[in-house]
N, C-alpha and C. Protein backbone atom coordinates (compact mmCIF):
# COMPACT_ATOMS: atom_id res chain seq x y z
N MET A 1 1.07 -1.02 0.09
CA MET A 1 0.08 0.33 -0.01
C MET A 1 0.89 1.34 0.12
N ILE A 2 0.60 2.31 -0.74
CA ILE A 2 1.03 3.44 -0.81
C ILE A 2 0.24 4.88 -0.85
N THR A 3 0.29 5.62 0.84
CA THR A 3 0.04 6.67 0.59
C THR A 3 0.01 7.62 0.33
N PHE A 4 -0.54 8.84 -0.50
CA PHE A 4 -0.38 9.69 -1.36
C PHE A 4 -1.26 10.50 -0.14
N ILE A 5 0.01 11.80 -0.37
CA ILE A 5 0.16 12.99 0.35
C ILE A 5 -0.93 14.16 0.15
N THR A 6 -2.41 14.49 -0.71
CA THR A 6 -1.95 15.45 -0.80
C THR A 6 -3.35 15.82 -0.54
N GLY A 7 -3.91 17.50 -0.87
CA GLY A 7 -5.31 17.64 -0.28
C GLY A 7 -6.28 17.59 -1.68
N ASN A 8 -5.82 17.60 -2.58
CA ASN A 8 -6.19 17.83 -3.91
C ASN A 8 -7.01 16.13 -4.51
N ASN A 9 -8.41 16.84 -4.37
CA ASN A 9 -9.36 15.17 -4.61
C ASN A 9 -9.12 14.61 -6.21
N HIS A 10 -8.36 15.72 -6.76
CA HIS A 10 -8.22 15.73 -8.33
C HIS A 10 -7.64 14.31 -8.75
N LYS A 11 -6.35 15.07 -7.58
CA LYS A 11 -5.24 14.34 -7.74
C LYS A 11 -5.06 12.19 -7.59
N VAL A 12 -6.11 12.85 -6.55
CA VAL A 12 -6.22 11.33 -5.92
C VAL A 12 -7.08 10.23 -6.82
N GLU A 13 -8.05 10.45 -7.25
CA GLU A 13 -8.88 10.36 -8.81
C GLU A 13 -7.73 9.58 -9.32
N GLU A 14 -7.07 10.65 -10.06
CA GLU A 14 -6.19 10.01 -11.21
C GLU A 14 -5.08 9.27 -10.52
N ALA A 15 -4.62 9.20 -9.55
CA ALA A 15 -3.87 8.37 -9.19
C ALA A 15 -4.62 6.90 -8.88
N GLU A 16 -5.49 6.99 -7.96
CA GLU A 16 -6.42 5.93 -8.13
C GLU A 16 -6.37 4.86 -9.36
N ASN A 17 -6.89 5.85 -10.03
CA ASN A 17 -7.26 5.23 -11.91
C ASN A 17 -5.78 4.46 -12.10
N ILE A 18 -5.04 4.88 -12.33
CA ILE A 18 -3.42 4.41 -12.69
C ILE A 18 -3.05 2.93 -11.59
N PHE A 19 -3.36 3.67 -10.75
CA PHE A 19 -2.64 2.05 -9.18
C PHE A 19 -3.35 1.39 -9.65
N GLU A 20 -4.61 1.49 -9.84
CA GLU A 20 -5.82 0.05 -9.90
C GLU A 20 -5.53 -0.85 -10.77
N LYS A 21 -4.93 -0.61 -11.92
CA LYS A 21 -4.49 -1.21 -13.24
C LYS A 21 -3.36 -2.43 -13.10
N PHE A 22 -1.91 -1.44 -11.47
CA PHE A 22 -1.22 -2.34 -11.05
C PHE A 22 -1.42 -3.48 -9.85
N ASN A 23 -3.01 -3.16 -9.92
CA ASN A 23 -2.95 -3.77 -8.41
C ASN A 23 -2.40 -3.07 -7.18
N ILE A 24 -2.43 -2.18 -6.59
CA ILE A 24 -1.47 -1.19 -5.83
C ILE A 24 -2.82 -0.30 -5.14
N GLU A 25 -3.00 -0.74 -3.80
CA GLU A 25 -3.49 -0.38 -2.88
C GLU A 25 -3.11 1.23 -3.01
N LEU A 26 -3.94 2.00 -2.69
CA LEU A 26 -3.84 3.84 -2.49
C LEU A 26 -4.73 4.22 -1.21
N GLU A 27 -3.39 4.84 -0.59
CA GLU A 27 -4.18 5.64 0.64
C GLU A 27 -4.23 6.78 0.05
N HIS A 28 -5.17 7.72 0.73
CA HIS A 28 -5.08 9.07 1.32
C HIS A 28 -4.97 10.16 2.39
N ILE A 29 -3.90 10.51 2.78
CA ILE A 29 -4.05 11.74 3.71
C ILE A 29 -3.55 13.24 3.35
N ASP A 30 -4.44 13.51 4.06
CA ASP A 30 -4.18 15.36 4.11
C ASP A 30 -3.19 15.43 4.61
N LEU A 31 -2.15 15.74 4.44
CA LEU A 31 -0.88 15.94 5.79
C LEU A 31 -0.42 17.23 5.40
N GLY A 32 -0.59 18.19 6.16
CA GLY A 32 0.51 19.65 5.44
C GLY A 32 1.95 19.77 5.34
N TYR A 33 3.07 20.04 5.13
CA TYR A 33 3.99 20.02 5.07
C TYR A 33 4.68 21.10 4.47
N THR A 34 5.73 21.86 5.00
CA THR A 34 6.51 23.16 4.95
C THR A 34 7.04 22.50 3.23
N GLU A 35 6.54 23.75 2.68
CA GLU A 35 7.39 23.36 1.03
C GLU A 35 8.29 24.33 0.94
N PRO A 36 9.89 23.75 1.04
CA PRO A 36 11.20 24.33 0.55
C PRO A 36 11.07 25.58 -0.68
N GLN A 37 11.45 26.43 -0.70
CA GLN A 37 12.16 27.60 -1.56
C GLN A 37 13.16 26.41 -2.73
N GLY A 38 12.56 26.20 -3.59
CA GLY A 38 13.42 25.13 -4.61
C GLY A 38 12.78 24.77 -6.54
N THR A 39 13.00 23.56 -6.73
CA THR A 39 12.84 23.36 -8.10
C THR A 39 11.51 22.29 -7.54
N LEU A 40 10.50 21.53 -8.43
CA LEU A 40 9.47 20.96 -7.75
C LEU A 40 10.21 19.35 -7.05
N GLU A 41 10.92 18.93 -7.78
CA GLU A 41 11.71 18.24 -7.35
C GLU A 41 12.74 17.90 -5.35
N ASP A 42 13.15 19.57 -5.42
CA ASP A 42 13.29 19.57 -3.67
C ASP A 42 11.70 19.89 -3.31
N VAL A 43 10.95 20.46 -3.25
CA VAL A 43 10.05 19.87 -2.81
C VAL A 43 8.89 19.03 -2.42
N ALA A 44 8.71 17.97 -3.76
CA ALA A 44 8.42 16.69 -3.91
C ALA A 44 9.37 15.52 -3.27
N LYS A 45 10.29 15.65 -2.81
CA LYS A 45 12.04 15.56 -2.09
C LYS A 45 11.55 15.56 -0.76
N ALA A 46 11.16 16.83 -0.25
CA ALA A 46 11.20 17.45 1.85
C ALA A 46 9.66 16.72 1.64
N GLY A 47 8.49 16.63 1.04
CA GLY A 47 7.50 16.75 1.43
C GLY A 47 7.11 15.33 1.63
N ALA A 48 7.69 14.46 0.40
CA ALA A 48 7.68 13.04 1.24
C ALA A 48 9.03 12.80 2.41
N GLU A 49 9.69 12.98 2.04
CA GLU A 49 10.81 12.44 3.46
C GLU A 49 9.83 12.87 4.60
N TYR A 50 9.42 14.05 4.78
CA TYR A 50 8.39 14.52 6.04
C TYR A 50 7.36 13.49 6.47
N ALA A 51 6.56 13.39 5.75
CA ALA A 51 5.92 12.66 5.55
C ALA A 51 5.51 11.69 5.72
N ALA A 52 6.72 10.38 5.23
CA ALA A 52 7.34 9.43 5.68
C ALA A 52 7.74 9.04 7.13
N GLN A 53 8.41 10.00 7.52
CA GLN A 53 9.47 9.81 8.78
C GLN A 53 7.70 10.24 9.70
N LYS A 54 7.21 10.58 9.68
CA LYS A 54 6.14 11.35 10.57
C LYS A 54 4.27 10.37 10.39
N LEU A 55 4.66 9.91 9.71
CA LEU A 55 3.51 8.53 9.12
C LEU A 55 3.75 7.29 9.45
N ASN A 56 5.94 7.34 9.46
CA ASN A 56 5.82 5.89 9.57
C ASN A 56 5.42 4.79 8.73
N LYS A 57 5.55 5.78 7.00
CA LYS A 57 5.01 4.27 6.09
C LYS A 57 5.70 4.96 5.14
N SER A 58 5.33 4.16 3.39
CA SER A 58 5.97 4.51 2.31
C SER A 58 4.60 5.27 1.67
N VAL A 59 5.06 6.93 1.73
CA VAL A 59 4.38 7.48 1.22
C VAL A 59 5.09 8.62 -0.49
N ILE A 60 3.95 8.60 -0.85
CA ILE A 60 4.33 9.84 -1.86
C ILE A 60 3.60 10.90 -2.06
N VAL A 61 4.40 12.30 -2.77
CA VAL A 61 3.47 13.47 -2.92
C VAL A 61 4.29 14.09 -4.06
N GLU A 62 3.00 14.65 -4.57
CA GLU A 62 3.50 15.42 -5.94
C GLU A 62 3.67 17.06 -5.72
N ASP A 63 4.31 17.18 -6.62
CA ASP A 63 4.06 18.81 -6.79
C ASP A 63 4.43 18.79 -8.45
N ALA A 64 3.76 19.84 -9.27
CA ALA A 64 3.37 20.28 -10.14
C ALA A 64 3.51 21.52 -10.69
N GLY A 65 3.62 22.55 -12.05
CA GLY A 65 3.26 23.33 -12.15
C GLY A 65 3.59 23.73 -13.78
N LEU A 66 3.43 24.90 -14.20
CA LEU A 66 3.79 24.99 -15.37
C LEU A 66 4.65 26.17 -16.30
N PHE A 67 5.63 25.88 -16.72
CA PHE A 67 6.70 26.23 -17.00
C PHE A 67 7.26 26.73 -18.79
N ILE A 68 7.10 27.99 -18.85
CA ILE A 68 6.84 29.14 -20.21
C ILE A 68 8.61 28.94 -20.38
N LYS A 69 8.70 28.76 -21.49
CA LYS A 69 10.14 29.31 -21.83
C LYS A 69 10.25 30.58 -22.49
N ALA A 70 9.48 31.26 -22.86
CA ALA A 70 9.74 33.08 -23.31
C ALA A 70 9.41 33.51 -22.22
N LEU A 71 9.65 32.88 -20.89
CA LEU A 71 9.12 33.79 -19.75
C LEU A 71 10.07 33.28 -18.60
N SER A 72 11.57 32.56 -19.22
CA SER A 72 12.62 31.62 -18.66
C SER A 72 11.98 31.38 -17.93
N TRP A 73 11.07 30.48 -18.02
CA TRP A 73 10.12 29.10 -17.38
C TRP A 73 9.59 29.39 -16.48
N PHE A 74 9.44 30.74 -16.49
CA PHE A 74 7.85 31.12 -15.31
C PHE A 74 6.86 30.47 -16.13
N PRO A 75 5.35 30.17 -14.66
CA PRO A 75 5.69 30.81 -13.16
C PRO A 75 6.48 28.83 -12.56
N GLY A 76 6.92 28.55 -12.81
CA GLY A 76 6.95 27.16 -12.60
C GLY A 76 7.08 27.09 -11.52
N THR A 77 7.82 27.00 -9.98
CA THR A 77 7.37 26.49 -8.47
C THR A 77 6.91 27.48 -7.81
N TYR A 78 6.14 28.90 -8.92
CA TYR A 78 5.68 29.92 -8.02
C TYR A 78 4.18 29.61 -8.73
N SER A 79 3.54 28.27 -9.57
CA SER A 79 2.42 28.54 -10.05
C SER A 79 1.17 28.64 -9.84
N SER A 80 1.38 28.29 -8.47
CA SER A 80 -0.20 28.17 -7.41
C SER A 80 -0.36 29.58 -7.25
N TYR A 81 0.74 30.07 -6.56
CA TYR A 81 0.97 31.34 -6.22
C TYR A 81 0.23 32.16 -7.45
N VAL A 82 1.02 32.23 -8.58
CA VAL A 82 0.25 33.13 -9.99
C VAL A 82 -1.08 32.99 -10.09
N GLN A 83 -1.27 31.09 -10.14
CA GLN A 83 -2.79 31.16 -10.60
C GLN A 83 -3.81 32.42 -9.12
N ASP A 84 -3.36 31.95 -8.49
CA ASP A 84 -4.11 32.84 -7.54
C ASP A 84 -3.88 34.11 -7.57
N THR A 85 -3.05 34.98 -7.95
CA THR A 85 -3.00 36.10 -8.13
C THR A 85 -3.48 36.64 -9.42
N ILE A 86 -2.28 36.44 -10.39
CA ILE A 86 -2.56 37.09 -11.67
C ILE A 86 -3.47 36.24 -12.42
N GLY A 87 -3.85 35.34 -12.62
CA GLY A 87 -4.60 33.47 -12.79
C GLY A 87 -4.32 33.93 -14.68
N ASN A 88 -4.74 33.49 -15.29
CA ASN A 88 -4.56 32.77 -17.06
C ASN A 88 -4.70 34.57 -17.48
N GLN A 89 -5.28 35.61 -17.29
CA GLN A 89 -5.60 36.54 -17.77
C GLN A 89 -3.65 37.29 -17.68
N GLY A 90 -3.58 37.58 -16.56
CA GLY A 90 -2.50 37.59 -16.62
C GLY A 90 -0.72 37.17 -16.82
N ILE A 91 -1.24 35.41 -17.12
CA ILE A 91 0.09 35.34 -18.49
C ILE A 91 -0.19 35.43 -19.86
N LEU A 92 -1.58 35.63 -20.27
CA LEU A 92 -1.75 35.48 -21.39
C LEU A 92 -1.18 37.33 -21.62
N LYS A 93 -1.65 38.44 -21.18
CA LYS A 93 -1.09 39.43 -20.95
C LYS A 93 0.55 39.59 -20.88
N LEU A 94 1.18 38.70 -19.94
CA LEU A 94 2.61 38.27 -19.88
C LEU A 94 3.13 38.08 -21.48
N MET A 95 2.53 37.48 -22.10
CA MET A 95 2.96 36.86 -23.40
C MET A 95 2.29 37.40 -24.37
N ASN A 96 1.11 38.74 -24.25
CA ASN A 96 0.97 39.37 -25.18
C ASN A 96 1.35 39.87 -26.82
N ASN A 97 3.17 40.16 -26.54
CA ASN A 97 4.17 40.78 -27.45
C ASN A 97 4.83 39.33 -28.27
N ILE A 98 4.93 37.81 -27.90
CA ILE A 98 5.49 37.39 -28.48
C ILE A 98 4.16 36.17 -29.21
N LYS A 99 4.46 36.35 -30.69
CA LYS A 99 3.05 36.32 -31.75
C LYS A 99 3.18 34.77 -32.44
N ASN A 100 4.60 34.47 -32.07
CA ASN A 100 4.63 33.10 -33.02
C ASN A 100 4.33 31.82 -32.07
N THR A 101 3.69 31.16 -32.80
CA THR A 101 3.41 29.21 -31.59
C THR A 101 4.47 29.09 -31.01
N GLU A 102 5.50 29.02 -31.71
CA GLU A 102 6.49 27.89 -31.57
C GLU A 102 7.49 28.65 -30.11
N ASP A 103 7.09 30.05 -30.03
CA ASP A 103 8.15 31.24 -29.10
C ASP A 103 7.40 30.84 -28.08
N ARG A 104 5.76 30.25 -27.99
CA ARG A 104 4.65 30.11 -26.77
C ARG A 104 5.50 28.79 -26.04
N TYR A 105 6.31 28.04 -26.75
CA TYR A 105 6.15 27.15 -26.10
C TYR A 105 6.27 26.63 -24.29
N ALA A 106 5.48 25.80 -23.96
CA ALA A 106 4.81 25.26 -22.44
C ALA A 106 5.08 24.19 -22.03
N GLU A 107 5.17 23.85 -21.02
CA GLU A 107 5.54 22.13 -20.20
C GLU A 107 4.62 22.12 -18.92
N PHE A 108 3.85 21.16 -18.74
CA PHE A 108 3.03 20.92 -17.33
C PHE A 108 4.52 20.27 -16.95
N ARG A 109 4.59 20.00 -15.87
CA ARG A 109 5.46 19.25 -15.17
C ARG A 109 5.47 19.11 -14.13
N SER A 110 5.28 17.38 -13.43
CA SER A 110 4.81 16.82 -12.60
C SER A 110 6.14 16.06 -12.22
N VAL A 111 6.11 16.21 -10.57
CA VAL A 111 7.48 15.49 -9.83
C VAL A 111 6.93 14.65 -8.78
N ILE A 112 6.42 13.37 -8.60
CA ILE A 112 6.22 12.25 -7.86
C ILE A 112 7.68 12.43 -6.84
N GLY A 113 7.50 12.52 -5.26
CA GLY A 113 8.58 12.15 -4.70
C GLY A 113 8.29 10.93 -3.65
N TYR A 114 8.88 9.93 -3.59
CA TYR A 114 8.88 8.73 -2.92
C TYR A 114 9.54 8.72 -1.94
N CYS A 115 9.06 7.75 -0.33
CA CYS A 115 9.90 8.04 0.37
C CYS A 115 8.79 7.07 1.43
N ALA A 116 10.01 6.23 2.47
CA ALA A 116 9.92 5.34 3.19
C ALA A 116 10.44 5.51 4.02
N PRO A 117 10.31 4.98 5.28
CA PRO A 117 10.86 5.40 6.52
C PRO A 117 12.83 5.07 6.67
N ASN A 118 13.44 5.46 6.75
CA ASN A 118 14.89 5.26 6.40
C ASN A 118 15.56 5.11 5.09
N ILE A 119 14.83 5.34 4.68
CA ILE A 119 14.95 5.61 2.73
C ILE A 119 15.15 6.50 2.45
N GLU A 120 16.46 7.06 1.44
CA GLU A 120 16.08 8.48 0.87
C GLU A 120 15.13 8.40 -0.32
N PRO A 121 14.52 10.02 -0.42
CA PRO A 121 13.62 9.71 -1.20
C PRO A 121 13.91 9.52 -2.51
N LYS A 122 13.09 9.39 -3.46
CA LYS A 122 13.72 9.33 -4.74
C LYS A 122 11.93 9.98 -5.76
N ILE A 123 12.50 10.53 -6.84
CA ILE A 123 11.40 11.49 -7.64
C ILE A 123 11.31 11.32 -8.89
N PHE A 124 10.42 11.12 -9.87
CA PHE A 124 10.10 10.28 -10.81
C PHE A 124 9.08 11.91 -11.29
N LEU A 125 9.93 12.57 -12.68
CA LEU A 125 9.37 13.58 -13.46
C LEU A 125 8.68 13.37 -14.65
N GLY A 126 7.34 13.81 -14.63
CA GLY A 126 6.61 13.86 -15.85
C GLY A 126 6.34 14.72 -16.53
N LYS A 127 5.97 14.98 -17.97
CA LYS A 127 5.79 16.27 -18.59
C LYS A 127 4.98 16.21 -19.54
N VAL A 128 4.99 17.12 -19.83
CA VAL A 128 3.25 17.22 -21.10
C VAL A 128 3.88 18.57 -22.25
N SER A 129 4.60 18.58 -23.21
CA SER A 129 4.95 19.85 -24.18
C SER A 129 3.45 20.44 -24.46
N GLY A 130 3.45 21.54 -24.80
CA GLY A 130 2.27 22.57 -25.63
C GLY A 130 3.38 24.02 -25.88
N SER A 131 1.81 25.15 -25.63
CA SER A 131 2.48 25.96 -25.97
C SER A 131 0.88 26.74 -24.89
N ILE A 132 1.39 28.19 -25.17
CA ILE A 132 0.42 29.29 -24.56
C ILE A 132 -0.49 29.79 -25.54
N ALA A 133 -1.50 28.95 -25.56
CA ALA A 133 -2.92 29.74 -26.21
C ALA A 133 -2.96 30.87 -26.18
N PHE A 134 -3.39 31.98 -27.39
CA PHE A 134 -3.60 33.34 -27.71
C PHE A 134 -4.95 33.73 -26.56
N GLU A 135 -5.68 32.74 -26.08
CA GLU A 135 -7.08 33.32 -25.62
C GLU A 135 -7.47 31.78 -24.66
N GLU A 136 -8.18 31.96 -23.75
CA GLU A 136 -8.72 31.08 -22.98
C GLU A 136 -9.86 30.38 -23.14
N LYS A 137 -9.49 28.73 -23.23
CA LYS A 137 -10.48 27.84 -24.59
C LYS A 137 -10.91 26.86 -23.45
N GLY A 138 -12.05 26.62 -23.08
CA GLY A 138 -12.50 25.48 -22.86
C GLY A 138 -13.01 25.64 -21.42
N ASN A 139 -13.69 24.85 -20.67
CA ASN A 139 -14.13 25.10 -18.90
C ASN A 139 -13.92 23.38 -18.02
N GLU A 140 -12.96 22.93 -18.73
CA GLU A 140 -12.97 21.63 -18.61
C GLU A 140 -11.98 21.91 -17.32
N GLY A 141 -11.39 21.11 -16.59
CA GLY A 141 -10.44 21.31 -15.65
C GLY A 141 -9.91 22.44 -15.12
N PHE A 142 -8.96 22.58 -14.76
CA PHE A 142 -8.66 24.09 -13.49
C PHE A 142 -7.56 24.79 -13.82
N ALA A 143 -7.14 25.72 -13.35
CA ALA A 143 -6.11 26.15 -13.08
C ALA A 143 -5.67 27.20 -15.15
N PHE A 144 -4.24 26.41 -14.96
CA PHE A 144 -3.66 27.05 -16.08
C PHE A 144 -4.66 26.67 -17.46
N ASP A 145 -4.86 24.91 -17.08
CA ASP A 145 -5.67 24.80 -18.73
C ASP A 145 -6.79 24.97 -19.64
N PRO A 146 -7.51 26.21 -19.11
CA PRO A 146 -7.75 26.85 -20.27
C PRO A 146 -6.58 27.54 -21.00
N ILE A 147 -5.49 27.61 -21.11
CA ILE A 147 -4.61 28.14 -21.75
C ILE A 147 -3.90 27.27 -22.24
N PHE A 148 -3.17 26.40 -21.45
CA PHE A 148 -2.14 25.25 -22.10
C PHE A 148 -2.97 24.45 -23.44
N TYR A 149 -1.78 25.17 -24.52
CA TYR A 149 -2.85 24.06 -26.08
C TYR A 149 -1.23 23.07 -26.11
N VAL A 150 -2.58 21.84 -26.73
CA VAL A 150 -1.74 20.84 -27.21
C VAL A 150 -1.51 20.08 -28.90
N PRO A 151 -1.24 20.50 -29.05
CA PRO A 151 -0.40 20.94 -30.64
C PRO A 151 -1.55 19.37 -31.47
N GLU A 152 -0.60 17.74 -30.90
CA GLU A 152 -1.51 16.80 -31.14
C GLU A 152 -3.17 16.55 -31.15
N LYS A 153 -3.69 17.52 -29.90
CA LYS A 153 -4.68 17.01 -29.90
C LYS A 153 -5.57 18.64 -30.50
N ASP A 154 -4.89 19.04 -30.55
CA ASP A 154 -4.99 20.82 -31.33
C ASP A 154 -6.47 20.63 -30.05
N LYS A 155 -6.44 21.54 -28.90
CA LYS A 155 -7.19 21.87 -28.27
C LYS A 155 -6.06 22.63 -27.00
N THR A 156 -7.07 23.25 -25.82
CA THR A 156 -6.20 23.38 -24.90
C THR A 156 -7.06 22.16 -23.97
N PHE A 157 -5.79 22.21 -23.07
CA PHE A 157 -6.51 21.00 -21.25
C PHE A 157 -7.73 21.56 -21.29
N GLY A 158 -8.43 22.54 -20.89
CA GLY A 158 -9.54 23.10 -21.24
C GLY A 158 -10.68 22.82 -21.58
N GLU A 159 -10.23 22.46 -23.11
CA GLU A 159 -11.02 21.86 -24.00
C GLU A 159 -11.65 19.92 -23.64
N LEU A 160 -10.33 19.64 -23.20
CA LEU A 160 -10.37 18.33 -23.00
C LEU A 160 -11.21 17.64 -21.95
N THR A 161 -11.71 16.50 -21.96
CA THR A 161 -13.03 15.88 -20.86
C THR A 161 -11.60 15.70 -20.19
N THR A 162 -11.69 15.38 -18.55
CA THR A 162 -11.20 14.96 -17.52
C THR A 162 -10.38 13.95 -17.97
N ASN A 163 -11.19 12.40 -18.51
CA ASN A 163 -11.03 11.58 -18.84
C ASN A 163 -9.64 11.68 -20.18
N GLU A 164 -10.05 12.56 -21.34
CA GLU A 164 -9.21 12.38 -22.61
C GLU A 164 -7.52 13.37 -21.84
N LYS A 165 -7.32 14.33 -20.95
CA LYS A 165 -6.67 14.37 -20.38
C LYS A 165 -6.02 13.83 -19.76
N ASN A 166 -6.19 12.79 -18.87
CA ASN A 166 -6.14 12.09 -17.49
C ASN A 166 -5.29 11.01 -18.69
N GLN A 167 -5.31 10.50 -20.11
CA GLN A 167 -5.03 9.84 -20.76
C GLN A 167 -3.36 9.72 -20.68
N PHE A 168 -2.91 11.37 -20.95
CA PHE A 168 -1.25 11.50 -21.69
C PHE A 168 -0.76 12.38 -20.59
N SER A 169 -1.48 13.36 -19.57
CA SER A 169 -1.20 14.40 -18.60
C SER A 169 0.14 14.15 -17.76
N HIS A 170 1.04 15.06 -17.43
CA HIS A 170 2.11 14.95 -16.86
C HIS A 170 1.91 14.98 -15.54
N ARG A 171 0.33 14.36 -14.97
CA ARG A 171 0.82 13.74 -13.85
C ARG A 171 0.57 12.32 -13.92
N ARG A 172 0.13 11.78 -15.14
CA ARG A 172 0.07 10.60 -15.37
C ARG A 172 1.34 10.15 -15.70
N ASN A 173 1.76 10.39 -16.97
CA ASN A 173 3.75 10.60 -16.97
C ASN A 173 4.24 9.97 -15.31
N SER A 174 4.08 11.00 -14.92
CA SER A 174 5.42 11.02 -13.25
C SER A 174 4.40 9.80 -12.42
N LEU A 175 3.04 9.72 -12.44
CA LEU A 175 2.63 8.43 -11.35
C LEU A 175 3.12 6.55 -12.25
N GLU A 176 2.79 7.33 -13.86
CA GLU A 176 3.23 5.96 -14.34
C GLU A 176 4.68 5.33 -14.21
N LEU A 177 5.88 6.64 -14.24
CA LEU A 177 7.05 6.38 -13.79
C LEU A 177 7.39 5.45 -12.10
N PHE A 178 7.23 6.18 -11.63
CA PHE A 178 6.98 6.00 -10.22
C PHE A 178 6.31 4.17 -10.38
N VAL A 179 4.97 3.72 -10.56
CA VAL A 179 4.44 3.06 -10.39
C VAL A 179 5.02 2.01 -10.91
N ASN A 180 5.91 2.15 -12.10
CA ASN A 180 6.55 1.20 -12.65
C ASN A 180 7.76 0.57 -12.41
N TRP A 181 8.72 1.57 -11.52
CA TRP A 181 9.87 1.31 -10.55
C TRP A 181 9.14 0.76 -9.20
N TYR A 182 8.40 1.34 -8.79
CA TYR A 182 7.46 0.72 -7.46
C TYR A 182 7.18 -0.80 -7.59
N LYS A 183 6.59 -1.65 -9.14
CA LYS A 183 6.47 -2.52 -9.14
C LYS A 183 7.31 -3.77 -9.19
N THR A 184 8.63 -3.35 -9.80
CA THR A 184 10.14 -3.91 -9.58
C THR A 184 10.75 -4.23 -8.09
N ILE A 185 10.62 -2.73 -7.88
CA ILE A 185 10.70 -3.20 -6.00
C ILE A 185 9.97 -4.42 -5.60
N GLU A 186 8.91 -4.13 -5.77
CA GLU A 186 7.95 -5.12 -4.84
C GLU A 186 7.86 -6.44 -5.95
N ASP A 187 8.30 -6.77 -6.97
CA ASP A 187 8.44 -7.86 -7.42
C ASP A 187 9.55 -8.61 -7.08
N ASN A 188 10.63 -8.07 -6.55
CA ASN A 188 11.83 -8.67 -6.27
C ASN A 188 11.95 -9.07 -4.81
N LYS A 189 11.18 -8.22 -3.83
CA LYS A 189 11.02 -8.56 -2.87
C LYS A 189 10.84 -10.48 -2.44
C-alpha cells in the first residue's frame, strides 16, 4: 500500500485510476508539510521525507507547475501563487507580444516524490509539452488548463474532458514512472 499525501481530490482520483491497473492499493491522507523554496524536485523530496517519517510508512507526494520558455520558465514552482494572483489573464498579458506559436512553448511538469521510513527519497518527473494559447478556451479542468494548448490534440487542456486529459497528462506520466519502478521493487521482494 502507498499513501498519497495531498489535499487535492482530483490528484487522488487520477492516481487511483493508474494504481488500480497495477493492483496497488492507494490510501489518501491530507497532511500538510512545509514546502521549501527550490525546484519541484526539492519540494517533492522534502514533502515525501517529512510525511514518511511522521507517519512511519511509504508515501508519495506530488508537486506540479507550468513552465513557459519565453518567460524564462516562469511561473514554474510559483504556479499556484501566480494562478491565485494574476491568473490566466495575467499570463496571457505577459505573453501578449509573443506572436509566434513556437515561441510560446510551455510544459506542464509533475514530480512524484516517494519515500519510505529511513530511505532516501526518490523522484519521478513527468511532463507534457504544449504552448500558451492566445486566449482561454474550454471550461474543463482547472487553473492554467484553458490556456495550455496541446498541438497533437488541437485543443487546450480546458477543452479536453478529464478522461481525455488523464490519458497523457504530466501527472499520469510521473505516476506511471513511479508505479513501474515501484512494481519492480515489490516484485523483487
